[in-house]
Amino acid sequence: MIAPNQTRAKRERAAAGPSSRMPDLPFRVELWDEEKRGVERVVARAHSESLAQAIFKAACEQFPDRHLSLWRGRERLADKED
């Protein structure tokens, strides 16, 4: 099967990848490793502070024995100690 002819703009968007089309998500919820030496993973990212706070609260319930932190860029907004 022959692929349909793509327009130049469509080819450029596809080459740029999905990250170029995602909006800026300044808030993030981080799950720290058990020794609290570093971030194990980013649980979620959010566009608004209210959504980030709700995600942080849910993550605290999901990971009751782990350290979590909520950030806006380089500013730490909240911590949950284990």
Protein backbone atom coordinates (compact mmCIF):
# COMPACT_ATOMS: atom_id res chain seq x y z
CA MET A 1 0.00 0.00 0.00
CA ILE A 2 1.27 3.46 -0.83
CA ALA A 3 1.05 6.07 1.90
CA PRO A 4 -1.01 9.15 1.10
CA ASN A 5 0.90 12.27 0.13
CA GLN A 6 1.55 14.42 3.21
CA THR A 7 1.70 18.17 3.12
CA ARG A 8 4.98 19.85 4.10
CA ALA A 9 3.49 21.26 7.35
CA LYS A 10 2.19 17.83 8.35
CA ARG A 11 5.61 16.25 7.72
CA GLU A 12 7.33 18.95 9.79
CA ARG A 13 4.92 18.44 12.72
CA ALA A 14 5.46 14.69 12.61
CA ALA A 15 9.26 15.13 12.51
CA ALA A 16 9.16 17.52 15.47
CA GLY A 17 7.66 14.79 17.67
CA PRO A 18 4.90 14.85 20.25
CA SER A 19 6.75 16.99 22.80
CA SER A 20 6.61 20.03 20.52
CA ARG A 21 2.80 19.85 20.50
CA MET A 22 2.32 19.35 24.25
CA PRO A 23 1.51 22.46 26.28
CA ASP A 24 3.89 23.63 28.96
CA LEU A 25 3.17 21.74 32.19
CA PRO A 26 4.93 23.67 34.96
CA PHE A 27 3.74 21.58 37.93
CA ARG A 28 5.07 18.12 38.73
CA VAL A 29 4.62 15.53 41.47
CA GLU A 30 7.77 13.55 42.26
CA LEU A 31 8.07 10.18 43.99
CA TRP A 32 11.41 9.80 45.77
CA ASP A 33 13.35 6.57 46.20
CA GLU A 34 13.11 4.81 49.55
CA GLU A 35 16.44 6.25 50.76
CA LYS A 36 15.32 9.79 49.77
CA ARG A 37 18.50 10.25 47.74
CA GLY A 38 16.79 11.07 44.49
CA VAL A 39 13.62 11.11 42.47
CA GLU A 40 12.48 7.67 41.40
CA ARG A 41 9.94 9.02 38.94
CA VAL A 42 7.66 11.90 38.10
CA VAL A 43 4.18 10.67 38.98
CA ALA A 44 2.38 13.40 37.04
CA ARG A 45 2.63 16.82 35.46
CA ALA A 46 -0.14 19.42 35.42
CA HIS A 47 -0.99 22.75 33.87
CA SER A 48 -2.83 24.30 36.82
CA GLU A 49 -1.99 24.50 40.51
CA SER A 50 -5.41 23.23 41.61
CA LEU A 51 -5.05 20.12 39.46
CA ALA A 52 -1.48 19.60 40.70
CA GLN A 53 -2.67 19.84 44.32
CA ALA A 54 -5.38 17.23 43.67
CA ILE A 55 -2.86 14.91 42.02
CA PHE A 56 -0.44 15.41 44.91
CA LYS A 57 -3.16 14.55 47.44
CA ALA A 58 -4.10 11.39 45.51
CA ALA A 59 -0.43 10.38 45.21
CA CYS A 60 -0.01 10.80 48.99
CA GLU A 61 -2.89 8.36 49.49
CA GLN A 62 -1.54 5.93 46.90
CA PHE A 63 2.02 5.97 48.30
CA PRO A 64 1.50 6.36 52.08
CA ASP A 65 4.98 5.13 53.03
CA ARG A 66 6.94 7.17 50.50
CA HIS A 67 8.31 10.71 50.23
CA LEU A 68 6.56 12.89 47.63
CA SER A 69 7.08 16.48 46.57
CA LEU A 70 5.11 18.98 44.51
CA TRP A 71 7.00 21.49 42.38
CA ARG A 72 6.30 24.50 40.17
CA GLY A 73 9.46 24.75 38.13
CA ARG A 74 12.26 24.98 40.70
CA GLU A 75 9.96 26.05 43.53
CA ARG A 76 8.95 23.32 45.96
CA LEU A 77 5.30 23.85 46.91
CA ALA A 78 4.67 20.84 49.17
CA ASP A 79 6.32 17.79 50.71
CA LYS A 80 4.89 14.62 52.16
CA GLU A 81 7.31 12.91 54.48
CA ASP A 82 6.92 9.18 54.99
